[in-house]
Amino acid sequence: MKYVHRQGWHAVCALKSNRTLCGQRLSQFAATLRHKRYTPVRVTAADGNTTTYHVRDAVGRLARVPFDVRVMFSKRHPRARAWAYFLSTDLARSVIETLRGYGGRWSCEVVNFYVKTQLGLADFRVRSFEAVDRFVVAVHLAWAYVERRFVQERSAHLRCYGDLLRRHREEHAQAWLTAALQEALAGGAIEPVLQRFLRQPA
């Protein structure tokens, strides 16, 4: 946040409850705002569903941050016990604008989830720097293929990246099985086909 501030930029992020604002943990500071009215914020998710959050805010200094920030205390319902905490370094921006802008990060989170869990971006450990660098490039090239194909084929039957990945794998499985069957028909024997496609020893 200090670096972002020095560049003249602004940041919005989530906070954990153990961060301190004006010397108090956020979980404790929320109690000092109990007489402040909630600001209702309607946020539209990526699937089109709209949720209303109830938000209170305060301006002050976080620990180890040498400038004022706005901290937002959000609940799904006024009587809910659990809070979610968000920060904005742009004091001129309203609570509604800030949280709606933060909601736009969801598409980034979706991409992060798929490249880590499905394309293996999280499996970079115990490698040299050069290997990690090449690996990241390969993962992003693969994701570029996913994005391009998703734009071209998006339909009622292909509504998300997961649908596309399943289709891609099914196509590979079909091509693999077709090649094996064709070779078995051409050669008239199953064992050589099993040895080649399943890498079984002779």
N, C-alpha and C. Protein backbone atom coordinates (compact mmCIF):
# COMPACT_ATOMS: atom_id res chain seq x y z
N MET A 1 0.82 -1.20 0.00
CA MET A 1 0.00 0.00 0.00
C MET A 1 0.86 1.26 0.00
N LYS A 2 2.01 1.19 0.67
CA LYS A 2 2.91 2.35 0.66
C LYS A 2 3.42 2.62 -0.76
N TYR A 3 3.78 1.55 -1.46
CA TYR A 3 4.26 1.71 -2.83
C TYR A 3 3.17 2.29 -3.72
N VAL A 4 1.97 1.75 -3.60
CA VAL A 4 0.83 2.24 -4.40
C VAL A 4 0.60 3.73 -4.11
N HIS A 5 0.66 4.09 -2.84
CA HIS A 5 0.44 5.48 -2.44
C HIS A 5 1.50 6.40 -3.03
N ARG A 6 2.77 5.94 -3.03
CA ARG A 6 3.85 6.77 -3.58
C ARG A 6 3.68 7.02 -5.07
N GLN A 7 3.08 6.06 -5.78
CA GLN A 7 2.87 6.22 -7.21
C GLN A 7 1.69 7.12 -7.55
N GLY A 8 0.94 7.52 -6.52
CA GLY A 8 -0.26 8.33 -6.76
C GLY A 8 -1.46 7.51 -7.19
N TRP A 9 -1.39 6.18 -6.97
CA TRP A 9 -2.50 5.29 -7.31
C TRP A 9 -3.37 5.07 -6.07
N HIS A 10 -4.44 4.30 -6.26
CA HIS A 10 -5.31 3.92 -5.15
C HIS A 10 -5.50 2.41 -5.13
N ALA A 11 -5.78 1.89 -3.95
CA ALA A 11 -5.95 0.45 -3.79
C ALA A 11 -7.23 0.17 -3.01
N VAL A 12 -7.85 -0.95 -3.35
CA VAL A 12 -9.00 -1.47 -2.61
C VAL A 12 -8.69 -2.93 -2.30
N CYS A 13 -8.89 -3.35 -1.06
CA CYS A 13 -8.58 -4.74 -0.70
C CYS A 13 -9.40 -5.15 0.51
N ALA A 14 -9.44 -6.44 0.74
CA ALA A 14 -10.07 -6.97 1.96
C ALA A 14 -9.06 -6.93 3.10
N LEU A 15 -9.57 -6.90 4.32
CA LEU A 15 -8.72 -6.90 5.51
C LEU A 15 -9.13 -8.02 6.44
N LYS A 16 -8.18 -8.49 7.25
CA LYS A 16 -8.48 -9.46 8.29
C LYS A 16 -8.87 -8.73 9.57
N SER A 17 -9.59 -9.42 10.41
CA SER A 17 -10.15 -8.79 11.60
C SER A 17 -9.08 -8.39 12.62
N ASN A 18 -7.86 -8.96 12.50
CA ASN A 18 -6.83 -8.63 13.48
C ASN A 18 -6.03 -7.38 13.12
N ARG A 19 -6.29 -6.76 11.97
CA ARG A 19 -5.65 -5.49 11.66
C ARG A 19 -6.19 -4.43 12.60
N THR A 20 -5.37 -3.43 12.90
CA THR A 20 -5.79 -2.41 13.86
C THR A 20 -6.01 -1.07 13.16
N LEU A 21 -7.12 -0.43 13.49
CA LEU A 21 -7.47 0.89 12.98
C LEU A 21 -7.54 1.84 14.17
N CYS A 22 -6.72 2.88 14.13
CA CYS A 22 -6.66 3.85 15.23
C CYS A 22 -6.38 3.15 16.56
N GLY A 23 -5.55 2.12 16.52
CA GLY A 23 -5.14 1.43 17.73
C GLY A 23 -6.07 0.34 18.20
N GLN A 24 -7.17 0.09 17.49
CA GLN A 24 -8.12 -0.96 17.88
C GLN A 24 -8.23 -2.01 16.80
N ARG A 25 -8.35 -3.27 17.22
CA ARG A 25 -8.63 -4.33 16.24
C ARG A 25 -9.94 -4.02 15.52
N LEU A 26 -10.00 -4.38 14.26
CA LEU A 26 -11.21 -4.10 13.49
C LEU A 26 -12.44 -4.72 14.12
N SER A 27 -12.30 -5.93 14.66
CA SER A 27 -13.43 -6.59 15.29
C SER A 27 -13.95 -5.81 16.50
N GLN A 28 -13.05 -5.07 17.17
CA GLN A 28 -13.46 -4.23 18.29
C GLN A 28 -13.93 -2.86 17.83
N PHE A 29 -13.28 -2.34 16.81
CA PHE A 29 -13.63 -1.01 16.30
C PHE A 29 -15.06 -0.98 15.78
N ALA A 30 -15.50 -2.11 15.22
CA ALA A 30 -16.87 -2.16 14.68
C ALA A 30 -17.90 -1.80 15.74
N ALA A 31 -17.63 -2.15 17.00
CA ALA A 31 -18.58 -1.85 18.07
C ALA A 31 -18.73 -0.36 18.30
N THR A 32 -17.68 0.41 18.01
CA THR A 32 -17.75 1.86 18.21
C THR A 32 -18.63 2.53 17.17
N LEU A 33 -18.99 1.81 16.12
CA LEU A 33 -19.82 2.38 15.05
C LEU A 33 -21.28 1.96 15.15
N ARG A 34 -21.66 1.32 16.26
CA ARG A 34 -23.00 0.73 16.33
C ARG A 34 -24.13 1.76 16.23
N HIS A 35 -23.84 3.06 16.52
CA HIS A 35 -24.88 4.09 16.42
C HIS A 35 -24.91 4.76 15.04
N LYS A 36 -23.99 4.33 14.17
CA LYS A 36 -23.93 4.91 12.84
C LYS A 36 -24.86 4.14 11.90
N ARG A 37 -25.57 4.85 11.05
CA ARG A 37 -26.52 4.20 10.14
C ARG A 37 -25.76 3.40 9.08
N TYR A 38 -26.38 2.31 8.64
CA TYR A 38 -25.81 1.49 7.58
C TYR A 38 -26.03 2.16 6.22
N THR A 39 -25.07 1.98 5.36
CA THR A 39 -25.22 2.35 3.95
C THR A 39 -25.53 1.09 3.16
N PRO A 40 -26.72 0.99 2.54
CA PRO A 40 -27.02 -0.21 1.74
C PRO A 40 -26.27 -0.16 0.40
N VAL A 41 -25.60 -1.25 0.08
CA VAL A 41 -24.84 -1.33 -1.17
C VAL A 41 -25.30 -2.56 -1.93
N ARG A 42 -25.83 -2.35 -3.13
CA ARG A 42 -26.27 -3.46 -3.98
C ARG A 42 -25.14 -3.81 -4.94
N VAL A 43 -24.70 -5.06 -4.87
CA VAL A 43 -23.60 -5.53 -5.71
C VAL A 43 -24.09 -6.66 -6.59
N THR A 44 -23.82 -6.56 -7.88
CA THR A 44 -24.23 -7.59 -8.84
C THR A 44 -23.08 -8.54 -9.08
N ALA A 45 -23.31 -9.83 -8.85
CA ALA A 45 -22.27 -10.84 -9.02
C ALA A 45 -22.11 -11.20 -10.50
N ALA A 46 -21.09 -12.01 -10.77
CA ALA A 46 -20.81 -12.41 -12.16
C ALA A 46 -21.95 -13.21 -12.77
N ASP A 47 -22.72 -13.93 -11.94
CA ASP A 47 -23.83 -14.72 -12.46
C ASP A 47 -25.12 -13.92 -12.62
N GLY A 48 -25.05 -12.61 -12.35
CA GLY A 48 -26.22 -11.75 -12.51
C GLY A 48 -27.03 -11.55 -11.25
N ASN A 49 -26.78 -12.33 -10.20
CA ASN A 49 -27.52 -12.18 -8.95
C ASN A 49 -27.06 -10.93 -8.21
N THR A 50 -28.02 -10.24 -7.60
CA THR A 50 -27.73 -9.00 -6.89
C THR A 50 -27.92 -9.22 -5.39
N THR A 51 -26.94 -8.78 -4.61
CA THR A 51 -26.98 -8.91 -3.16
C THR A 51 -26.83 -7.53 -2.53
N THR A 52 -27.61 -7.26 -1.49
CA THR A 52 -27.49 -6.00 -0.77
C THR A 52 -26.68 -6.21 0.50
N TYR A 53 -25.62 -5.43 0.66
CA TYR A 53 -24.79 -5.47 1.85
C TYR A 53 -25.06 -4.21 2.68
N HIS A 54 -24.88 -4.35 3.99
CA HIS A 54 -25.12 -3.24 4.91
C HIS A 54 -23.76 -2.82 5.47
N VAL A 55 -23.39 -1.56 5.22
CA VAL A 55 -22.01 -1.14 5.42
C VAL A 55 -21.93 0.11 6.32
N ARG A 56 -20.98 0.07 7.23
CA ARG A 56 -20.57 1.25 7.97
C ARG A 56 -19.10 1.51 7.63
N ASP A 57 -18.67 2.75 7.75
CA ASP A 57 -17.28 3.05 7.39
C ASP A 57 -16.67 4.04 8.37
N ALA A 58 -15.34 4.05 8.38
CA ALA A 58 -14.59 4.96 9.23
C ALA A 58 -13.27 5.29 8.53
N VAL A 59 -12.76 6.48 8.80
CA VAL A 59 -11.49 6.92 8.23
C VAL A 59 -10.47 7.02 9.36
N GLY A 60 -9.30 6.47 9.13
CA GLY A 60 -8.25 6.52 10.16
C GLY A 60 -6.98 5.89 9.66
N ARG A 61 -6.06 5.61 10.59
CA ARG A 61 -4.76 5.03 10.25
C ARG A 61 -4.70 3.57 10.66
N LEU A 62 -4.32 2.73 9.72
CA LEU A 62 -4.00 1.35 10.05
C LEU A 62 -2.59 1.29 10.63
N ALA A 63 -2.33 0.25 11.39
CA ALA A 63 -0.98 0.06 11.92
C ALA A 63 0.00 -0.09 10.76
N ARG A 64 1.13 0.61 10.87
CA ARG A 64 2.23 0.58 9.90
C ARG A 64 1.85 1.17 8.54
N VAL A 65 0.76 1.94 8.48
CA VAL A 65 0.39 2.64 7.25
C VAL A 65 0.37 4.13 7.57
N PRO A 66 1.28 4.92 6.99
CA PRO A 66 1.46 6.32 7.42
C PRO A 66 0.51 7.32 6.76
N PHE A 67 -0.67 6.89 6.35
CA PHE A 67 -1.66 7.82 5.77
C PHE A 67 -3.05 7.29 6.05
N ASP A 68 -4.03 8.18 5.98
CA ASP A 68 -5.40 7.81 6.29
C ASP A 68 -5.99 6.92 5.20
N VAL A 69 -6.82 5.99 5.62
CA VAL A 69 -7.54 5.11 4.70
C VAL A 69 -8.99 5.03 5.16
N ARG A 70 -9.85 4.59 4.26
CA ARG A 70 -11.24 4.34 4.62
C ARG A 70 -11.44 2.84 4.80
N VAL A 71 -11.96 2.45 5.95
CA VAL A 71 -12.23 1.05 6.23
C VAL A 71 -13.75 0.86 6.27
N MET A 72 -14.22 -0.14 5.55
CA MET A 72 -15.65 -0.43 5.46
C MET A 72 -15.95 -1.73 6.21
N PHE A 73 -16.98 -1.68 7.04
CA PHE A 73 -17.42 -2.82 7.84
C PHE A 73 -18.74 -3.29 7.24
N SER A 74 -18.74 -4.48 6.67
CA SER A 74 -19.88 -4.94 5.87
C SER A 74 -20.53 -6.16 6.48
N LYS A 75 -21.87 -6.19 6.40
CA LYS A 75 -22.66 -7.35 6.82
C LYS A 75 -23.68 -7.68 5.73
N ARG A 76 -24.06 -8.96 5.69
CA ARG A 76 -25.12 -9.35 4.76
C ARG A 76 -26.50 -8.95 5.30
N HIS A 77 -26.60 -8.81 6.60
CA HIS A 77 -27.87 -8.42 7.23
C HIS A 77 -27.53 -7.61 8.49
N PRO A 78 -28.30 -6.57 8.81
CA PRO A 78 -27.97 -5.75 9.99
C PRO A 78 -27.84 -6.54 11.28
N ARG A 79 -28.59 -7.65 11.40
CA ARG A 79 -28.52 -8.44 12.64
C ARG A 79 -27.50 -9.57 12.57
N ALA A 80 -26.81 -9.69 11.45
CA ALA A 80 -25.78 -10.73 11.34
C ALA A 80 -24.61 -10.40 12.27
N ARG A 81 -23.93 -11.43 12.75
CA ARG A 81 -22.80 -11.23 13.65
C ARG A 81 -21.48 -11.07 12.91
N ALA A 82 -21.35 -11.75 11.79
CA ALA A 82 -20.07 -11.76 11.07
C ALA A 82 -19.89 -10.48 10.24
N TRP A 83 -18.70 -9.90 10.35
CA TRP A 83 -18.35 -8.73 9.56
C TRP A 83 -17.35 -9.13 8.48
N ALA A 84 -17.37 -8.38 7.39
CA ALA A 84 -16.29 -8.44 6.40
C ALA A 84 -15.69 -7.03 6.35
N TYR A 85 -14.38 -6.96 6.19
CA TYR A 85 -13.68 -5.68 6.29
C TYR A 85 -12.98 -5.38 4.96
N PHE A 86 -13.12 -4.13 4.51
CA PHE A 86 -12.50 -3.70 3.26
C PHE A 86 -11.83 -2.35 3.46
N LEU A 87 -10.82 -2.12 2.66
CA LEU A 87 -10.04 -0.89 2.75
C LEU A 87 -10.01 -0.19 1.41
N SER A 88 -10.03 1.14 1.44
CA SER A 88 -9.82 1.94 0.24
C SER A 88 -8.90 3.09 0.59
N THR A 89 -7.92 3.33 -0.25
CA THR A 89 -7.02 4.48 -0.04
C THR A 89 -7.58 5.75 -0.67
N ASP A 90 -8.67 5.63 -1.43
CA ASP A 90 -9.29 6.79 -2.08
C ASP A 90 -10.39 7.32 -1.18
N LEU A 91 -10.10 8.37 -0.41
CA LEU A 91 -11.07 8.91 0.53
C LEU A 91 -12.18 9.68 -0.16
N ALA A 92 -11.95 10.09 -1.41
CA ALA A 92 -12.97 10.86 -2.13
C ALA A 92 -14.03 9.97 -2.76
N ARG A 93 -13.76 8.69 -2.82
CA ARG A 93 -14.71 7.77 -3.46
C ARG A 93 -15.70 7.26 -2.44
N SER A 94 -16.98 7.20 -2.84
CA SER A 94 -18.02 6.78 -1.90
C SER A 94 -17.91 5.30 -1.58
N VAL A 95 -18.57 4.91 -0.49
CA VAL A 95 -18.60 3.51 -0.10
C VAL A 95 -19.23 2.66 -1.19
N ILE A 96 -20.32 3.15 -1.78
CA ILE A 96 -21.02 2.39 -2.83
C ILE A 96 -20.11 2.18 -4.03
N GLU A 97 -19.45 3.23 -4.50
CA GLU A 97 -18.55 3.11 -5.66
C GLU A 97 -17.39 2.16 -5.36
N THR A 98 -16.87 2.25 -4.14
CA THR A 98 -15.72 1.42 -3.78
C THR A 98 -16.06 -0.06 -3.78
N LEU A 99 -17.16 -0.44 -3.13
CA LEU A 99 -17.50 -1.85 -3.02
C LEU A 99 -17.98 -2.42 -4.36
N ARG A 100 -18.66 -1.61 -5.15
CA ARG A 100 -19.04 -2.10 -6.48
C ARG A 100 -17.81 -2.30 -7.35
N GLY A 101 -16.82 -1.43 -7.21
CA GLY A 101 -15.57 -1.62 -7.94
C GLY A 101 -14.83 -2.86 -7.47
N TYR A 102 -14.84 -3.10 -6.16
CA TYR A 102 -14.19 -4.29 -5.62
C TYR A 102 -14.86 -5.56 -6.16
N GLY A 103 -16.17 -5.51 -6.34
CA GLY A 103 -16.88 -6.66 -6.89
C GLY A 103 -16.40 -7.04 -8.28
N GLY A 104 -15.82 -6.08 -9.01
CA GLY A 104 -15.30 -6.37 -10.34
C GLY A 104 -14.08 -7.27 -10.32
N ARG A 105 -13.49 -7.48 -9.14
CA ARG A 105 -12.32 -8.37 -9.03
C ARG A 105 -12.70 -9.83 -9.19
N TRP A 106 -13.99 -10.15 -9.14
CA TRP A 106 -14.38 -11.55 -9.13
C TRP A 106 -13.89 -12.29 -10.37
N SER A 107 -13.92 -11.63 -11.52
CA SER A 107 -13.45 -12.30 -12.74
C SER A 107 -11.98 -12.68 -12.61
N CYS A 108 -11.19 -11.83 -11.94
CA CYS A 108 -9.77 -12.16 -11.72
C CYS A 108 -9.63 -13.36 -10.79
N GLU A 109 -10.48 -13.42 -9.76
CA GLU A 109 -10.43 -14.55 -8.83
C GLU A 109 -10.79 -15.86 -9.53
N VAL A 110 -11.75 -15.80 -10.46
CA VAL A 110 -12.14 -17.00 -11.20
C VAL A 110 -10.96 -17.51 -12.03
N VAL A 111 -10.30 -16.60 -12.73
CA VAL A 111 -9.14 -17.00 -13.53
C VAL A 111 -8.04 -17.57 -12.65
N ASN A 112 -7.77 -16.92 -11.52
CA ASN A 112 -6.74 -17.43 -10.60
C ASN A 112 -7.07 -18.85 -10.14
N PHE A 113 -8.34 -19.09 -9.85
CA PHE A 113 -8.75 -20.42 -9.38
C PHE A 113 -8.48 -21.47 -10.45
N TYR A 114 -8.85 -21.20 -11.69
CA TYR A 114 -8.69 -22.21 -12.73
C TYR A 114 -7.22 -22.44 -13.10
N VAL A 115 -6.44 -21.36 -13.21
CA VAL A 115 -5.04 -21.58 -13.61
C VAL A 115 -4.26 -22.28 -12.50
N LYS A 116 -4.68 -22.13 -11.25
CA LYS A 116 -4.00 -22.82 -10.16
C LYS A 116 -4.45 -24.27 -10.03
N THR A 117 -5.77 -24.49 -10.05
CA THR A 117 -6.28 -25.82 -9.76
C THR A 117 -6.37 -26.71 -10.99
N GLN A 118 -6.59 -26.13 -12.17
CA GLN A 118 -6.78 -26.94 -13.38
C GLN A 118 -5.57 -26.92 -14.32
N LEU A 119 -4.83 -25.82 -14.35
CA LEU A 119 -3.68 -25.72 -15.25
C LEU A 119 -2.35 -25.84 -14.53
N GLY A 120 -2.37 -25.98 -13.21
CA GLY A 120 -1.16 -26.30 -12.48
C GLY A 120 -0.25 -25.14 -12.12
N LEU A 121 -0.76 -23.90 -12.14
CA LEU A 121 0.11 -22.77 -11.83
C LEU A 121 0.66 -22.83 -10.41
N ALA A 122 -0.08 -23.47 -9.50
CA ALA A 122 0.39 -23.56 -8.11
C ALA A 122 1.51 -24.58 -7.94
N ASP A 123 1.79 -25.40 -8.97
CA ASP A 123 2.78 -26.47 -8.84
C ASP A 123 4.16 -26.03 -9.36
N PHE A 124 4.61 -24.89 -8.89
CA PHE A 124 5.88 -24.35 -9.38
C PHE A 124 7.02 -24.55 -8.38
N ARG A 125 6.75 -25.10 -7.22
CA ARG A 125 7.74 -25.16 -6.15
C ARG A 125 8.91 -26.10 -6.49
N VAL A 126 10.01 -25.86 -5.83
CA VAL A 126 11.23 -26.66 -5.97
C VAL A 126 11.67 -26.70 -7.43
N ARG A 127 11.68 -25.55 -8.06
CA ARG A 127 12.18 -25.44 -9.43
C ARG A 127 13.10 -24.22 -9.48
N SER A 128 13.96 -24.20 -10.48
CA SER A 128 14.83 -23.04 -10.65
C SER A 128 14.02 -21.86 -11.14
N PHE A 129 14.59 -20.66 -11.02
CA PHE A 129 13.88 -19.45 -11.46
C PHE A 129 13.54 -19.54 -12.94
N GLU A 130 14.50 -20.01 -13.75
CA GLU A 130 14.27 -20.09 -15.19
C GLU A 130 13.13 -21.07 -15.50
N ALA A 131 13.08 -22.18 -14.76
CA ALA A 131 12.01 -23.16 -14.98
C ALA A 131 10.65 -22.59 -14.59
N VAL A 132 10.61 -21.86 -13.47
CA VAL A 132 9.35 -21.24 -13.05
C VAL A 132 8.89 -20.22 -14.09
N ASP A 133 9.83 -19.43 -14.60
CA ASP A 133 9.51 -18.42 -15.60
C ASP A 133 8.90 -19.06 -16.85
N ARG A 134 9.51 -20.13 -17.34
CA ARG A 134 8.99 -20.82 -18.52
C ARG A 134 7.64 -21.47 -18.22
N PHE A 135 7.51 -22.02 -17.02
CA PHE A 135 6.28 -22.69 -16.63
C PHE A 135 5.11 -21.71 -16.59
N VAL A 136 5.34 -20.53 -16.03
CA VAL A 136 4.28 -19.51 -15.96
C VAL A 136 3.86 -19.08 -17.37
N VAL A 137 4.83 -18.92 -18.26
CA VAL A 137 4.50 -18.56 -19.65
C VAL A 137 3.64 -19.65 -20.30
N ALA A 138 4.01 -20.91 -20.09
CA ALA A 138 3.25 -22.02 -20.67
C ALA A 138 1.81 -22.05 -20.14
N VAL A 139 1.66 -21.83 -18.82
CA VAL A 139 0.32 -21.83 -18.22
C VAL A 139 -0.53 -20.70 -18.81
N HIS A 140 0.05 -19.53 -18.97
CA HIS A 140 -0.73 -18.41 -19.50
C HIS A 140 -1.03 -18.58 -20.98
N LEU A 141 -0.16 -19.24 -21.71
CA LEU A 141 -0.49 -19.56 -23.11
C LEU A 141 -1.69 -20.52 -23.16
N ALA A 142 -1.68 -21.51 -22.28
CA ALA A 142 -2.81 -22.44 -22.22
C ALA A 142 -4.09 -21.70 -21.86
N TRP A 143 -4.00 -20.77 -20.92
CA TRP A 143 -5.20 -20.03 -20.53
C TRP A 143 -5.68 -19.11 -21.66
N ALA A 144 -4.74 -18.56 -22.44
CA ALA A 144 -5.14 -17.75 -23.60
C ALA A 144 -5.98 -18.58 -24.57
N TYR A 145 -5.59 -19.85 -24.75
CA TYR A 145 -6.39 -20.76 -25.58
C TYR A 145 -7.79 -20.92 -25.01
N VAL A 146 -7.89 -21.10 -23.68
CA VAL A 146 -9.19 -21.26 -23.03
C VAL A 146 -10.05 -20.02 -23.24
N GLU A 147 -9.48 -18.84 -23.03
CA GLU A 147 -10.23 -17.60 -23.18
C GLU A 147 -10.73 -17.42 -24.61
N ARG A 148 -9.85 -17.67 -25.57
CA ARG A 148 -10.23 -17.48 -26.98
C ARG A 148 -11.35 -18.45 -27.37
N ARG A 149 -11.20 -19.69 -26.98
CA ARG A 149 -12.21 -20.68 -27.35
C ARG A 149 -13.53 -20.42 -26.63
N PHE A 150 -13.45 -19.95 -25.38
CA PHE A 150 -14.67 -19.65 -24.62
C PHE A 150 -15.47 -18.54 -25.29
N VAL A 151 -14.78 -17.51 -25.77
CA VAL A 151 -15.45 -16.42 -26.47
C VAL A 151 -16.13 -16.93 -27.74
N GLN A 152 -15.48 -17.83 -28.45
CA GLN A 152 -16.00 -18.34 -29.71
C GLN A 152 -17.17 -19.31 -29.53
N GLU A 153 -17.17 -20.09 -28.46
CA GLU A 153 -18.13 -21.18 -28.33
C GLU A 153 -19.15 -21.00 -27.20
N ARG A 154 -19.10 -19.88 -26.52
CA ARG A 154 -20.01 -19.68 -25.38
C ARG A 154 -21.46 -19.81 -25.82
N SER A 155 -22.22 -20.60 -25.05
CA SER A 155 -23.62 -20.88 -25.41
C SER A 155 -24.35 -21.35 -24.16
N ALA A 156 -25.61 -21.77 -24.36
CA ALA A 156 -26.40 -22.27 -23.23
C ALA A 156 -25.81 -23.54 -22.65
N HIS A 157 -25.06 -24.31 -23.47
CA HIS A 157 -24.44 -25.54 -23.00
C HIS A 157 -23.00 -25.34 -22.54
N LEU A 158 -22.46 -24.16 -22.77
CA LEU A 158 -21.10 -23.87 -22.39
C LEU A 158 -21.11 -22.47 -21.76
N ARG A 159 -21.37 -22.46 -20.45
CA ARG A 159 -21.63 -21.19 -19.77
C ARG A 159 -20.47 -20.69 -18.91
N CYS A 160 -19.47 -21.54 -18.68
CA CYS A 160 -18.35 -21.12 -17.83
C CYS A 160 -17.09 -21.84 -18.28
N TYR A 161 -15.97 -21.43 -17.70
CA TYR A 161 -14.69 -22.03 -18.07
C TYR A 161 -14.65 -23.53 -17.75
N GLY A 162 -15.32 -23.93 -16.67
CA GLY A 162 -15.34 -25.34 -16.32
C GLY A 162 -15.98 -26.18 -17.40
N ASP A 163 -17.07 -25.67 -18.00
CA ASP A 163 -17.72 -26.39 -19.10
C ASP A 163 -16.76 -26.57 -20.27
N LEU A 164 -15.99 -25.52 -20.57
CA LEU A 164 -15.05 -25.60 -21.69
C LEU A 164 -13.94 -26.59 -21.41
N LEU A 165 -13.41 -26.58 -20.19
CA LEU A 165 -12.34 -27.52 -19.85
C LEU A 165 -12.82 -28.95 -19.95
N ARG A 166 -14.05 -29.20 -19.49
CA ARG A 166 -14.60 -30.57 -19.61
C ARG A 166 -14.75 -30.96 -21.07
N ARG A 167 -15.23 -30.04 -21.90
CA ARG A 167 -15.37 -30.35 -23.32
C ARG A 167 -14.01 -30.64 -23.95
N HIS A 168 -13.02 -29.86 -23.61
CA HIS A 168 -11.69 -30.06 -24.17
C HIS A 168 -11.14 -31.43 -23.79
N ARG A 169 -11.32 -31.83 -22.54
CA ARG A 169 -10.83 -33.13 -22.09
C ARG A 169 -11.60 -34.27 -22.75
N GLU A 170 -12.90 -34.09 -22.91
CA GLU A 170 -13.70 -35.11 -23.59
C GLU A 170 -13.25 -35.29 -25.03
N GLU A 171 -12.90 -34.18 -25.69
CA GLU A 171 -12.41 -34.27 -27.07
C GLU A 171 -11.09 -35.03 -27.13
N HIS A 172 -10.22 -34.79 -26.17
CA HIS A 172 -8.95 -35.52 -26.13
C HIS A 172 -9.19 -37.00 -25.87
N ALA A 173 -10.10 -37.30 -24.95
CA ALA A 173 -10.40 -38.71 -24.65
C ALA A 173 -10.99 -39.40 -25.87
N GLN A 174 -11.86 -38.69 -26.59
CA GLN A 174 -12.46 -39.28 -27.79
C GLN A 174 -11.41 -39.53 -28.86
N ALA A 175 -10.51 -38.56 -29.07
CA ALA A 175 -9.45 -38.74 -30.07
C ALA A 175 -8.53 -39.89 -29.69
N TRP A 176 -8.20 -40.01 -28.41
CA TRP A 176 -7.33 -41.09 -27.93
C TRP A 176 -7.99 -42.45 -28.14
N LEU A 177 -9.27 -42.55 -27.77
CA LEU A 177 -9.97 -43.83 -27.91
C LEU A 177 -10.18 -44.19 -29.37
N THR A 178 -10.49 -43.19 -30.20
CA THR A 178 -10.69 -43.44 -31.63
C THR A 178 -9.40 -43.97 -32.27
N ALA A 179 -8.27 -43.37 -31.93
CA ALA A 179 -7.00 -43.82 -32.49
C ALA A 179 -6.68 -45.24 -32.06
N ALA A 180 -6.97 -45.57 -30.80
CA ALA A 180 -6.70 -46.92 -30.31
C ALA A 180 -7.58 -47.94 -31.02
N LEU A 181 -8.85 -47.63 -31.19
CA LEU A 181 -9.76 -48.56 -31.86
C LEU A 181 -9.37 -48.76 -33.33
N GLN A 182 -9.01 -47.67 -33.98
CA GLN A 182 -8.61 -47.78 -35.39
C GLN A 182 -7.36 -48.64 -35.54
N GLU A 183 -6.40 -48.48 -34.63
CA GLU A 183 -5.18 -49.29 -34.71
C GLU A 183 -5.48 -50.75 -34.41
N ALA A 184 -6.38 -51.01 -33.46
CA ALA A 184 -6.75 -52.38 -33.15
C ALA A 184 -7.44 -53.04 -34.35
N LEU A 185 -8.34 -52.31 -35.02
CA LEU A 185 -9.02 -52.85 -36.20
C LEU A 185 -8.04 -53.11 -37.34
N ALA A 186 -7.09 -52.18 -37.51
CA ALA A 186 -6.13 -52.34 -38.61
C ALA A 186 -5.16 -53.48 -38.35
N GLY A 187 -4.74 -53.67 -37.10
CA GLY A 187 -3.74 -54.70 -36.79
C GLY A 187 -4.33 -56.04 -36.42
N GLY A 188 -5.59 -56.06 -36.02
CA GLY A 188 -6.24 -57.30 -35.66
C GLY A 188 -5.80 -57.89 -34.33
N ALA A 189 -5.10 -57.11 -33.51
CA ALA A 189 -4.65 -57.60 -32.21
C ALA A 189 -4.78 -56.49 -31.18
N ILE A 190 -5.13 -56.88 -29.95
CA ILE A 190 -5.35 -55.89 -28.90
C ILE A 190 -4.07 -55.58 -28.14
N GLU A 191 -3.23 -56.61 -27.92
CA GLU A 191 -2.07 -56.43 -27.05
C GLU A 191 -1.13 -55.31 -27.52
N PRO A 192 -0.76 -55.23 -28.80
CA PRO A 192 0.13 -54.12 -29.22
C PRO A 192 -0.48 -52.74 -28.96
N VAL A 193 -1.81 -52.66 -29.11
CA VAL A 193 -2.49 -51.38 -28.88
C VAL A 193 -2.41 -51.02 -27.39
N LEU A 194 -2.62 -52.00 -26.52
CA LEU A 194 -2.53 -51.74 -25.09
C LEU A 194 -1.12 -51.31 -24.69
N GLN A 195 -0.13 -51.96 -25.29
CA GLN A 195 1.25 -51.62 -24.97
C GLN A 195 1.57 -50.19 -25.38
N ARG A 196 1.04 -49.76 -26.51
CA ARG A 196 1.35 -48.41 -27.00
C ARG A 196 0.58 -47.34 -26.23
N PHE A 197 -0.74 -47.53 -26.08
CA PHE A 197 -1.58 -46.47 -25.51
C PHE A 197 -1.57 -46.46 -23.98
N LEU A 198 -1.31 -47.59 -23.35
CA LEU A 198 -1.25 -47.63 -21.90
C LEU A 198 0.16 -47.77 -21.37
N ARG A 199 1.12 -47.82 -22.31
CA ARG A 199 2.54 -47.93 -21.97
C ARG A 199 2.83 -49.15 -21.08
N GLN A 200 2.18 -50.24 -21.43
CA GLN A 200 2.42 -51.47 -20.70
C GLN A 200 3.66 -52.16 -21.25
N PRO A 201 4.40 -52.85 -20.40
CA PRO A 201 5.58 -53.56 -20.90
C PRO A 201 5.17 -54.71 -21.81
N ALA A 202 6.03 -55.01 -22.77
CA ALA A 202 5.74 -56.11 -23.70
C ALA A 202 5.71 -57.43 -22.96
